[in-house]
Amino acid sequence: MKKQSASSRSAVQGRAKDASTSAEGRRRNAIPAEKVDELFDSGSDEIDKHLDWENAQRPGREVQRVNVDFPVDLLRAIDREAKRIGVTRQAFIKLRLADTLASSR
């Protein structure tokens, strides 16, 4: 095992301390779900100090990356239409797939 220098050890310890401090901070601001519901329903800005928006996730909306090969002509058409409506290629493809699936139900 490679021996770490003192500065490397202190950097690792500093990161560990930062992580534990932020975890403690989150626990300190923890409130029951009912209170979160009340704050949300009232439109209060107080809710922000109890939520970690950067790590928030929507249940059931996990992402899985896929690769799809498109003919160049189709990609050009997708890019034109995406530009016309002001979205990215990826957003356009997601929108069209979602629309198609919704209309086929």
PDB file of N, CA and C in Angstrom:
ATOM      1  N   MET A   1       0.845  -1.188   0.000  1.00  0.00           N
ATOM      2  CA  MET A   1       0.000   0.000   0.000  1.00  0.00           C
ATOM      3  C   MET A   1       0.884   1.242   0.000  1.00  0.00           C
ATOM      4  N   LYS A   2       0.553   2.197  -0.841  1.00  0.00           N
ATOM      5  CA  LYS A   2       1.348   3.419  -0.970  1.00  0.00           C
ATOM      6  C   LYS A   2       1.061   4.335   0.216  1.00  0.00           C
ATOM      7  N   LYS A   3       2.101   4.856   0.806  1.00  0.00           N
ATOM      8  CA  LYS A   3       1.955   5.750   1.950  1.00  0.00           C
ATOM      9  C   LYS A   3       1.605   7.152   1.458  1.00  0.00           C
ATOM     10  N   GLN A   4       0.606   7.760   2.097  1.00  0.00           N
ATOM     11  CA  GLN A   4       0.199   9.122   1.720  1.00  0.00           C
ATOM     12  C   GLN A   4       1.047  10.140   2.455  1.00  0.00           C
ATOM     13  N   SER A   5       1.266  11.255   1.793  1.00  0.00           N
ATOM     14  CA  SER A   5       1.957  12.343   2.466  1.00  0.00           C
ATOM     15  C   SER A   5       1.016  12.983   3.471  1.00  0.00           C
ATOM     16  N   ALA A   6       1.579  13.759   4.370  1.00  0.00           N
ATOM     17  CA  ALA A   6       0.768  14.413   5.394  1.00  0.00           C
ATOM     18  C   ALA A   6      -0.273  15.330   4.771  1.00  0.00           C
ATOM     19  N   SER A   7       0.104  16.035   3.703  1.00  0.00           N
ATOM     20  CA  SER A   7      -0.853  16.948   3.073  1.00  0.00           C
ATOM     21  C   SER A   7      -1.985  16.174   2.409  1.00  0.00           C
ATOM     22  N   SER A   8      -1.666  14.999   1.831  1.00  0.00           N
ATOM     23  CA  SER A   8      -2.714  14.176   1.225  1.00  0.00           C
ATOM     24  C   SER A   8      -3.674  13.670   2.286  1.00  0.00           C
ATOM     25  N   ARG A   9      -3.117  13.225   3.409  1.00  0.00           N
ATOM     26  CA  ARG A   9      -3.973  12.725   4.495  1.00  0.00           C
ATOM     27  C   ARG A   9      -4.875  13.828   5.017  1.00  0.00           C
ATOM     28  N   SER A  10      -4.334  15.019   5.173  1.00  0.00           N
ATOM     29  CA  SER A  10      -5.153  16.099   5.716  1.00  0.00           C
ATOM     30  C   SER A  10      -6.239  16.513   4.716  1.00  0.00           C
ATOM     31  N   ALA A  11      -5.934  16.443   3.427  1.00  0.00           N
ATOM     32  CA  ALA A  11      -6.947  16.769   2.413  1.00  0.00           C
ATOM     33  C   ALA A  11      -8.084  15.770   2.465  1.00  0.00           C
ATOM     34  N   VAL A  12      -7.740  14.484   2.597  1.00  0.00           N
ATOM     35  CA  VAL A  12      -8.775  13.448   2.687  1.00  0.00           C
ATOM     36  C   VAL A  12      -9.594  13.649   3.954  1.00  0.00           C
ATOM     37  N   GLN A  13      -8.917  13.925   5.070  1.00  0.00           N
ATOM     38  CA  GLN A  13      -9.629  14.144   6.327  1.00  0.00           C
ATOM     39  C   GLN A  13     -10.524  15.374   6.236  1.00  0.00           C
ATOM     40  N   GLY A  14     -10.048  16.397   5.542  1.00  0.00           N
ATOM     41  CA  GLY A  14     -10.852  17.611   5.370  1.00  0.00           C
ATOM     42  C   GLY A  14     -12.121  17.339   4.593  1.00  0.00           C
ATOM     43  N   ARG A  15     -12.001  16.533   3.518  1.00  0.00           N
ATOM     44  CA  ARG A  15     -13.185  16.180   2.735  1.00  0.00           C
ATOM     45  C   ARG A  15     -14.149  15.359   3.567  1.00  0.00           C
ATOM     46  N   ALA A  16     -13.611  14.422   4.349  1.00  0.00           N
ATOM     47  CA  ALA A  16     -14.467  13.593   5.200  1.00  0.00           C
ATOM     48  C   ALA A  16     -15.180  14.463   6.224  1.00  0.00           C
ATOM     49  N   LYS A  17     -14.475  15.438   6.783  1.00  0.00           N
ATOM     50  CA  LYS A  17     -15.080  16.323   7.767  1.00  0.00           C
ATOM     51  C   LYS A  17     -16.179  17.168   7.127  1.00  0.00           C
ATOM     52  N   ASP A  18     -15.919  17.681   5.901  1.00  0.00           N
ATOM     53  CA  ASP A  18     -16.928  18.460   5.197  1.00  0.00           C
ATOM     54  C   ASP A  18     -18.183  17.634   4.955  1.00  0.00           C
ATOM     55  N   ALA A  19     -18.005  16.383   4.567  1.00  0.00           N
ATOM     56  CA  ALA A  19     -19.144  15.510   4.294  1.00  0.00           C
ATOM     57  C   ALA A  19     -19.936  15.256   5.555  1.00  0.00           C
ATOM     58  N   SER A  20     -19.241  15.012   6.672  1.00  0.00           N
ATOM     59  CA  SER A  20     -19.971  14.745   7.914  1.00  0.00           C
ATOM     60  C   SER A  20     -20.666  16.003   8.413  1.00  0.00           C
ATOM     61  N   THR A  21     -20.030  17.148   8.228  1.00  0.00           N
ATOM     62  CA  THR A  21     -20.647  18.399   8.661  1.00  0.00           C
ATOM     63  C   THR A  21     -21.920  18.668   7.871  1.00  0.00           C
ATOM     64  N   SER A  22     -21.874  18.465   6.545  1.00  0.00           N
ATOM     65  CA  SER A  22     -23.064  18.727   5.747  1.00  0.00           C
ATOM     66  C   SER A  22     -24.155  17.717   6.073  1.00  0.00           C
ATOM     67  N   ALA A  23     -23.786  16.463   6.373  1.00  0.00           N
ATOM     68  CA  ALA A  23     -24.788  15.463   6.760  1.00  0.00           C
ATOM     69  C   ALA A  23     -25.422  15.862   8.081  1.00  0.00           C
ATOM     70  N   GLU A  24     -24.600  16.359   9.016  1.00  0.00           N
ATOM     71  CA  GLU A  24     -25.143  16.811  10.293  1.00  0.00           C
ATOM     72  C   GLU A  24     -26.078  17.996  10.084  1.00  0.00           C
ATOM     73  N   GLY A  25     -25.692  18.884   9.169  1.00  0.00           N
ATOM     74  CA  GLY A  25     -26.532  20.044   8.875  1.00  0.00           C
ATOM     75  C   GLY A  25     -27.880  19.632   8.327  1.00  0.00           C
ATOM     76  N   ARG A  26     -27.876  18.622   7.459  1.00  0.00           N
ATOM     77  CA  ARG A  26     -29.142  18.138   6.908  1.00  0.00           C
ATOM     78  C   ARG A  26     -29.992  17.518   8.002  1.00  0.00           C
ATOM     79  N   ARG A  27     -29.360  16.757   8.897  1.00  0.00           N
ATOM     80  CA  ARG A  27     -30.125  16.135   9.986  1.00  0.00           C
ATOM     81  C   ARG A  27     -30.698  17.196  10.916  1.00  0.00           C
ATOM     82  N   ARG A  28     -29.939  18.244  11.175  1.00  0.00           N
ATOM     83  CA  ARG A  28     -30.385  19.292  12.065  1.00  0.00           C
ATOM     84  C   ARG A  28     -31.630  19.995  11.516  1.00  0.00           C
ATOM     85  N   ASN A  29     -31.698  20.151  10.194  1.00  0.00           N
ATOM     86  CA  ASN A  29     -32.821  20.827   9.573  1.00  0.00           C
ATOM     87  C   ASN A  29     -33.951  19.874   9.206  1.00  0.00           C
ATOM     88  N   ALA A  30     -33.818  18.591   9.556  1.00  0.00           N
ATOM     89  CA  ALA A  30     -34.833  17.606   9.200  1.00  0.00           C
ATOM     90  C   ALA A  30     -36.145  17.909   9.916  1.00  0.00           C
ATOM     91  N   ILE A  31     -37.232  17.763   9.184  1.00  0.00           N
ATOM     92  CA  ILE A  31     -38.559  17.957   9.759  1.00  0.00           C
ATOM     93  C   ILE A  31     -39.462  16.834   9.254  1.00  0.00           C
ATOM     94  N   PRO A  32     -40.562  16.574   9.954  1.00  0.00           N
ATOM     95  CA  PRO A  32     -41.476  15.512   9.519  1.00  0.00           C
ATOM     96  C   PRO A  32     -42.111  15.846   8.161  1.00  0.00           C
ATOM     97  N   ALA A  33     -42.481  14.814   7.427  1.00  0.00           N
ATOM     98  CA  ALA A  33     -43.079  14.972   6.098  1.00  0.00           C
ATOM     99  C   ALA A  33     -44.336  15.839   6.158  1.00  0.00           C
ATOM    100  N   GLU A  34     -45.104  15.707   7.219  1.00  0.00           N
ATOM    101  CA  GLU A  34     -46.332  16.509   7.352  1.00  0.00           C
ATOM    102  C   GLU A  34     -46.015  18.003   7.370  1.00  0.00           C
ATOM    103  N   LYS A  35     -44.916  18.364   8.050  1.00  0.00           N
ATOM    104  CA  LYS A  35     -44.507  19.769   8.118  1.00  0.00           C
ATOM    105  C   LYS A  35     -44.053  20.256   6.735  1.00  0.00           C
ATOM    106  N   VAL A  36     -43.334  19.392   5.996  1.00  0.00           N
ATOM    107  CA  VAL A  36     -42.914  19.742   4.632  1.00  0.00           C
ATOM    108  C   VAL A  36     -44.156  19.998   3.779  1.00  0.00           C
ATOM    109  N   ASP A  37     -45.160  19.127   3.909  1.00  0.00           N
ATOM    110  CA  ASP A  37     -46.413  19.299   3.162  1.00  0.00           C
ATOM    111  C   ASP A  37     -47.068  20.634   3.486  1.00  0.00           C
ATOM    112  N   GLU A  38     -47.108  20.970   4.771  1.00  0.00           N
ATOM    113  CA  GLU A  38     -47.723  22.243   5.195  1.00  0.00           C
ATOM    114  C   GLU A  38     -46.976  23.437   4.603  1.00  0.00           C
ATOM    115  N   LEU A  39     -45.640  23.400   4.680  1.00  0.00           N
ATOM    116  CA  LEU A  39     -44.840  24.499   4.135  1.00  0.00           C
ATOM    117  C   LEU A  39     -45.043  24.625   2.634  1.00  0.00           C
ATOM    118  N   PHE A  40     -45.068  23.487   1.936  1.00  0.00           N
ATOM    119  CA  PHE A  40     -45.267  23.509   0.496  1.00  0.00           C
ATOM    120  C   PHE A  40     -46.639  24.067   0.148  1.00  0.00           C
ATOM    121  N   ASP A  41     -47.675  23.562   0.815  1.00  0.00           N
ATOM    122  CA  ASP A  41     -49.038  23.999   0.533  1.00  0.00           C
ATOM    123  C   ASP A  41     -49.241  25.485   0.815  1.00  0.00           C
ATOM    124  N   SER A  42     -48.512  26.008   1.800  1.00  0.00           N
ATOM    125  CA  SER A  42     -48.658  27.424   2.137  1.00  0.00           C
ATOM    126  C   SER A  42     -47.847  28.327   1.210  1.00  0.00           C
ATOM    127  N   GLY A  43     -46.956  27.721   0.403  1.00  0.00           N
ATOM    128  CA  GLY A  43     -46.124  28.510  -0.502  1.00  0.00           C
ATOM    129  C   GLY A  43     -44.954  29.175   0.201  1.00  0.00           C
ATOM    130  N   SER A  44     -44.645  28.729   1.395  1.00  0.00           N
ATOM    131  CA  SER A  44     -43.582  29.323   2.198  1.00  0.00           C
ATOM    132  C   SER A  44     -42.200  29.047   1.610  1.00  0.00           C
ATOM    133  N   ASP A  45     -41.320  30.057   1.693  1.00  0.00           N
ATOM    134  CA  ASP A  45     -39.931  29.876   1.272  1.00  0.00           C
ATOM    135  C   ASP A  45     -39.128  29.112   2.325  1.00  0.00           C
ATOM    136  N   GLU A  46     -39.694  28.902   3.501  1.00  0.00           N
ATOM    137  CA  GLU A  46     -39.020  28.184   4.578  1.00  0.00           C
ATOM    138  C   GLU A  46     -38.675  26.752   4.172  1.00  0.00           C
ATOM    139  N   ILE A  47     -39.399  26.212   3.218  1.00  0.00           N
ATOM    140  CA  ILE A  47     -39.175  24.826   2.806  1.00  0.00           C
ATOM    141  C   ILE A  47     -37.774  24.619   2.242  1.00  0.00           C
ATOM    142  N   ASP A  48     -37.202  25.644   1.620  1.00  0.00           N
ATOM    143  CA  ASP A  48     -35.892  25.526   0.983  1.00  0.00           C
ATOM    144  C   ASP A  48     -34.784  25.129   1.954  1.00  0.00           C
ATOM    145  N   LYS A  49     -34.841  25.594   3.178  1.00  0.00           N
ATOM    146  CA  LYS A  49     -33.764  25.266   4.114  1.00  0.00           C
ATOM    147  C   LYS A  49     -33.840  23.826   4.610  1.00  0.00           C
ATOM    148  N   HIS A  50     -34.928  23.140   4.306  1.00  0.00           N
ATOM    149  CA  HIS A  50     -35.088  21.759   4.737  1.00  0.00           C
ATOM    150  C   HIS A  50     -34.870  20.751   3.610  1.00  0.00           C
ATOM    151  N   LEU A  51     -34.691  21.234   2.388  1.00  0.00           N
ATOM    152  CA  LEU A  51     -34.553  20.337   1.244  1.00  0.00           C
ATOM    153  C   LEU A  51     -33.203  20.518   0.578  1.00  0.00           C
ATOM    154  N   ASP A  52     -32.661  19.436   0.071  1.00  0.00           N
ATOM    155  CA  ASP A  52     -31.398  19.449  -0.666  1.00  0.00           C
ATOM    156  C   ASP A  52     -31.743  19.336  -2.148  1.00  0.00           C
ATOM    157  N   TRP A  53     -31.995  20.478  -2.795  1.00  0.00           N
ATOM    158  CA  TRP A  53     -32.461  20.500  -4.177  1.00  0.00           C
ATOM    159  C   TRP A  53     -31.456  19.902  -5.142  1.00  0.00           C
ATOM    160  N   GLU A  54     -30.149  20.030  -4.843  1.00  0.00           N
ATOM    161  CA  GLU A  54     -29.128  19.512  -5.760  1.00  0.00           C
ATOM    162  C   GLU A  54     -29.161  17.992  -5.862  1.00  0.00           C
ATOM    163  N   ASN A  55     -29.592  17.316  -4.816  1.00  0.00           N
ATOM    164  CA  ASN A  55     -29.628  15.856  -4.820  1.00  0.00           C
ATOM    165  C   ASN A  55     -31.046  15.310  -4.880  1.00  0.00           C
ATOM    166  N   ALA A  56     -32.009  16.167  -5.152  1.00  0.00           N
ATOM    167  CA  ALA A  56     -33.399  15.728  -5.219  1.00  0.00           C
ATOM    168  C   ALA A  56     -33.621  14.842  -6.446  1.00  0.00           C
ATOM    169  N   GLN A  57     -34.480  13.848  -6.285  1.00  0.00           N
ATOM    170  CA  GLN A  57     -34.813  12.959  -7.384  1.00  0.00           C
ATOM    171  C   GLN A  57     -36.318  12.762  -7.412  1.00  0.00           C
ATOM    172  N   ARG A  58     -36.838  12.562  -8.614  1.00  0.00           N
ATOM    173  CA  ARG A  58     -38.256  12.268  -8.759  1.00  0.00           C
ATOM    174  C   ARG A  58     -38.434  10.761  -8.757  1.00  0.00           C
ATOM    175  N   PRO A  59     -39.213  10.229  -7.824  1.00  0.00           N
ATOM    176  CA  PRO A  59     -39.402   8.776  -7.767  1.00  0.00           C
ATOM    177  C   PRO A  59     -39.979   8.252  -9.078  1.00  0.00           C
ATOM    178  N   GLY A  60     -39.463   7.126  -9.507  1.00  0.00           N
ATOM    179  CA  GLY A  60     -39.949   6.509 -10.731  1.00  0.00           C
ATOM    180  C   GLY A  60     -39.422   7.155 -12.002  1.00  0.00           C
ATOM    181  N   ARG A  61     -38.497   8.096 -11.879  1.00  0.00           N
ATOM    182  CA  ARG A  61     -37.973   8.789 -13.049  1.00  0.00           C
ATOM    183  C   ARG A  61     -36.466   8.558 -13.207  1.00  0.00           C
ATOM    184  N   GLU A  62     -35.993   7.384 -12.800  1.00  0.00           N
ATOM    185  CA  GLU A  62     -34.583   7.073 -12.957  1.00  0.00           C
ATOM    186  C   GLU A  62     -34.244   7.090 -14.446  1.00  0.00           C
ATOM    187  N   VAL A  63     -33.028   7.435 -14.749  1.00  0.00           N
ATOM    188  CA  VAL A  63     -32.605   7.565 -16.138  1.00  0.00           C
ATOM    189  C   VAL A  63     -31.727   6.382 -16.518  1.00  0.00           C
ATOM    190  N   GLN A  64     -31.952   5.856 -17.694  1.00  0.00           N
ATOM    191  CA  GLN A  64     -31.095   4.821 -18.244  1.00  0.00           C
ATOM    192  C   GLN A  64     -30.663   5.265 -19.628  1.00  0.00           C
ATOM    193  N   ARG A  65     -29.375   5.317 -19.847  1.00  0.00           N
ATOM    194  CA  ARG A  65     -28.838   5.772 -21.123  1.00  0.00           C
ATOM    195  C   ARG A  65     -28.994   4.679 -22.171  1.00  0.00           C
ATOM    196  N   VAL A  66     -29.410   5.082 -23.361  1.00  0.00           N
ATOM    197  CA  VAL A  66     -29.510   4.154 -24.494  1.00  0.00           C
ATOM    198  C   VAL A  66     -28.826   4.780 -25.701  1.00  0.00           C
ATOM    199  N   ASN A  67     -28.365   3.947 -26.588  1.00  0.00           N
ATOM    200  CA  ASN A  67     -27.767   4.410 -27.837  1.00  0.00           C
ATOM    201  C   ASN A  67     -28.661   3.970 -28.978  1.00  0.00           C
ATOM    202  N   VAL A  68     -28.963   4.894 -29.854  1.00  0.00           N
ATOM    203  CA  VAL A  68     -29.807   4.602 -31.009  1.00  0.00           C
ATOM    204  C   VAL A  68     -29.113   5.139 -32.246  1.00  0.00           C
ATOM    205  N   ASP A  69     -29.055   4.323 -33.268  1.00  0.00           N
ATOM    206  CA  ASP A  69     -28.472   4.757 -34.540  1.00  0.00           C
ATOM    207  C   ASP A  69     -29.588   5.263 -35.446  1.00  0.00           C
ATOM    208  N   PHE A  70     -29.425   6.483 -35.980  1.00  0.00           N
ATOM    209  CA  PHE A  70     -30.396   7.081 -36.887  1.00  0.00           C
ATOM    210  C   PHE A  70     -29.751   7.292 -38.251  1.00  0.00           C
ATOM    211  N   PRO A  71     -30.519   7.158 -39.312  1.00  0.00           N
ATOM    212  CA  PRO A  71     -30.001   7.563 -40.625  1.00  0.00           C
ATOM    213  C   PRO A  71     -29.722   9.069 -40.614  1.00  0.00           C
ATOM    214  N   VAL A  72     -28.706   9.472 -41.328  1.00  0.00           N
ATOM    215  CA  VAL A  72     -28.305  10.884 -41.342  1.00  0.00           C
ATOM    216  C   VAL A  72     -29.455  11.787 -41.785  1.00  0.00           C
ATOM    217  N   ASP A  73     -30.218  11.379 -42.799  1.00  0.00           N
ATOM    218  CA  ASP A  73     -31.345  12.198 -43.268  1.00  0.00           C
ATOM    219  C   ASP A  73     -32.365  12.425 -42.157  1.00  0.00           C
ATOM    220  N   LEU A  74     -32.648  11.378 -41.382  1.00  0.00           N
ATOM    221  CA  LEU A  74     -33.598  11.508 -40.280  1.00  0.00           C
ATOM    222  C   LEU A  74     -33.051  12.445 -39.208  1.00  0.00           C
ATOM    223  N   LEU A  75     -31.761  12.331 -38.907  1.00  0.00           N
ATOM    224  CA  LEU A  75     -31.157  13.230 -37.916  1.00  0.00           C
ATOM    225  C   LEU A  75     -31.238  14.682 -38.361  1.00  0.00           C
ATOM    226  N   ARG A  76     -31.006  14.931 -39.627  1.00  0.00           N
ATOM    227  CA  ARG A  76     -31.112  16.311 -40.134  1.00  0.00           C
ATOM    228  C   ARG A  76     -32.532  16.841 -39.971  1.00  0.00           C
ATOM    229  N   ALA A  77     -33.512  15.999 -40.268  1.00  0.00           N
ATOM    230  CA  ALA A  77     -34.912  16.411 -40.108  1.00  0.00           C
ATOM    231  C   ALA A  77     -35.237  16.657 -38.635  1.00  0.00           C
ATOM    232  N   ILE A  78     -34.739  15.795 -37.764  1.00  0.00           N
ATOM    233  CA  ILE A  78     -34.948  15.974 -36.319  1.00  0.00           C
ATOM    234  C   ILE A  78     -34.316  17.286 -35.867  1.00  0.00           C
ATOM    235  N   ASP A  79     -33.094  17.543 -36.302  1.00  0.00           N
ATOM    236  CA  ASP A  79     -32.398  18.774 -35.912  1.00  0.00           C
ATOM    237  C   ASP A  79     -33.129  20.017 -36.403  1.00  0.00           C
ATOM    238  N   ARG A  80     -33.655  19.971 -37.625  1.00  0.00           N
ATOM    239  CA  ARG A  80     -34.410  21.128 -38.151  1.00  0.00           C
ATOM    240  C   ARG A  80     -35.648  21.382 -37.303  1.00  0.00           C
ATOM    241  N   GLU A  81     -36.380  20.319 -37.019  1.00  0.00           N
ATOM    242  CA  GLU A  81     -37.613  20.481 -36.241  1.00  0.00           C
ATOM    243  C   GLU A  81     -37.317  20.904 -34.803  1.00  0.00           C
ATOM    244  N   ALA A  82     -36.269  20.347 -34.223  1.00  0.00           N
ATOM    245  CA  ALA A  82     -35.877  20.733 -32.863  1.00  0.00           C
ATOM    246  C   ALA A  82     -35.511  22.214 -32.814  1.00  0.00           C
ATOM    247  N   LYS A  83     -34.771  22.668 -33.817  1.00  0.00           N
ATOM    248  CA  LYS A  83     -34.383  24.083 -33.873  1.00  0.00           C
ATOM    249  C   LYS A  83     -35.621  24.958 -34.050  1.00  0.00           C
ATOM    250  N   ARG A  84     -36.552  24.505 -34.894  1.00  0.00           N
ATOM    251  CA  ARG A  84     -37.765  25.282 -35.151  1.00  0.00           C
ATOM    252  C   ARG A  84     -38.579  25.512 -33.877  1.00  0.00           C
ATOM    253  N   ILE A  85     -38.663  24.469 -33.037  1.00  0.00           N
ATOM    254  CA  ILE A  85     -39.462  24.636 -31.809  1.00  0.00           C
ATOM    255  C   ILE A  85     -38.615  25.064 -30.616  1.00  0.00           C
ATOM    256  N   GLY A  86     -37.290  25.190 -30.822  1.00  0.00           N
ATOM    257  CA  GLY A  86     -36.419  25.751 -29.783  1.00  0.00           C
ATOM    258  C   GLY A  86     -36.028  24.782 -28.682  1.00  0.00           C
ATOM    259  N   VAL A  87     -35.800  23.523 -29.045  1.00  0.00           N
ATOM    260  CA  VAL A  87     -35.352  22.548 -28.053  1.00  0.00           C
ATOM    261  C   VAL A  87     -34.137  21.804 -28.597  1.00  0.00           C
ATOM    262  N   THR A  88     -33.488  21.061 -27.726  1.00  0.00           N
ATOM    263  CA  THR A  88     -32.349  20.261 -28.167  1.00  0.00           C
ATOM    264  C   THR A  88     -32.834  19.019 -28.913  1.00  0.00           C
ATOM    265  N   ARG A  89     -31.918  18.397 -29.618  1.00  0.00           N
ATOM    266  CA  ARG A  89     -32.240  17.153 -30.323  1.00  0.00           C
ATOM    267  C   ARG A  89     -32.783  16.116 -29.332  1.00  0.00           C
ATOM    268  N   GLN A  90     -32.113  15.958 -28.214  1.00  0.00           N
ATOM    269  CA  GLN A  90     -32.526  14.966 -27.221  1.00  0.00           C
ATOM    270  C   GLN A  90     -33.928  15.285 -26.688  1.00  0.00           C
ATOM    271  N   ALA A  91     -34.178  16.542 -26.388  1.00  0.00           N
ATOM    272  CA  ALA A  91     -35.498  16.928 -25.885  1.00  0.00           C
ATOM    273  C   ALA A  91     -36.576  16.667 -26.928  1.00  0.00           C
ATOM    274  N   PHE A  92     -36.276  16.964 -28.184  1.00  0.00           N
ATOM    275  CA  PHE A  92     -37.237  16.734 -29.256  1.00  0.00           C
ATOM    276  C   PHE A  92     -37.585  15.248 -29.371  1.00  0.00           C
ATOM    277  N   ILE A  93     -36.567  14.398 -29.342  1.00  0.00           N
ATOM    278  CA  ILE A  93     -36.807  12.960 -29.453  1.00  0.00           C
ATOM    279  C   ILE A  93     -37.656  12.475 -28.276  1.00  0.00           C
ATOM    280  N   LYS A  94     -37.342  12.935 -27.070  1.00  0.00           N
ATOM    281  CA  LYS A  94     -38.126  12.544 -25.896  1.00  0.00           C
ATOM    282  C   LYS A  94     -39.572  13.016 -26.021  1.00  0.00           C
ATOM    283  N   LEU A  95     -39.756  14.262 -26.471  1.00  0.00           N
ATOM    284  CA  LEU A  95     -41.115  14.804 -26.625  1.00  0.00           C
ATOM    285  C   LEU A  95     -41.928  13.992 -27.613  1.00  0.00           C
ATOM    286  N   ARG A  96     -41.329  13.713 -28.768  1.00  0.00           N
ATOM    287  CA  ARG A  96     -42.056  12.967 -29.800  1.00  0.00           C
ATOM    288  C   ARG A  96     -42.382  11.552 -29.354  1.00  0.00           C
ATOM    289  N   LEU A  97     -41.445  10.899 -28.687  1.00  0.00           N
ATOM    290  CA  LEU A  97     -41.721   9.554 -28.186  1.00  0.00           C
ATOM    291  C   LEU A  97     -42.824   9.567 -27.132  1.00  0.00           C
ATOM    292  N   ALA A  98     -42.759  10.520 -26.219  1.00  0.00           N
ATOM    293  CA  ALA A  98     -43.779  10.615 -25.177  1.00  0.00           C
ATOM    294  C   ALA A  98     -45.151  10.898 -25.793  1.00  0.00           C
ATOM    295  N   ASP A  99     -45.213  11.816 -26.762  1.00  0.00           N
ATOM    296  CA  ASP A  99     -46.482  12.117 -27.446  1.00  0.00           C
ATOM    297  C   ASP A  99     -47.034  10.884 -28.140  1.00  0.00           C
ATOM    298  N   THR A 100     -46.161  10.181 -28.844  1.00  0.00           N
ATOM    299  CA  THR A 100     -46.597   8.988 -29.584  1.00  0.00           C
ATOM    300  C   THR A 100     -47.119   7.927 -28.623  1.00  0.00           C
ATOM    301  N   LEU A 101     -46.414   7.702 -27.533  1.00  0.00           N
ATOM    302  CA  LEU A 101     -46.854   6.699 -26.561  1.00  0.00           C
ATOM    303  C   LEU A 101     -48.166   7.100 -25.894  1.00  0.00           C
ATOM    304  N   ALA A 102     -48.317   8.388 -25.580  1.00  0.00           N
ATOM    305  CA  ALA A 102     -49.540   8.864 -24.926  1.00  0.00           C
ATOM    306  C   ALA A 102     -50.743   8.712 -25.862  1.00  0.00           C
ATOM    307  N   SER A 103     -50.538   8.991 -27.142  1.00  0.00           N
ATOM    308  CA  SER A 103     -51.667   8.916 -28.081  1.00  0.00           C
ATOM    309  C   SER A 103     -52.028   7.470 -28.428  1.00  0.00           C
ATOM    310  N   SER A 104     -51.106   6.535 -28.197  1.00  0.00           N
ATOM    311  CA  SER A 104     -51.411   5.135 -28.519  1.00  0.00           C
ATOM    312  C   SER A 104     -52.082   4.394 -27.374  1.00  0.00           C
ATOM    313  N   ARG A 105     -52.250   5.044 -26.244  1.00  0.00           N
ATOM    314  CA  ARG A 105     -52.875   4.390 -25.081  1.00  0.00           C
ATOM    315  C   ARG A 105     -54.358   4.383 -25.188  1.00  0.00           C
TER     316      ARG A 105
END
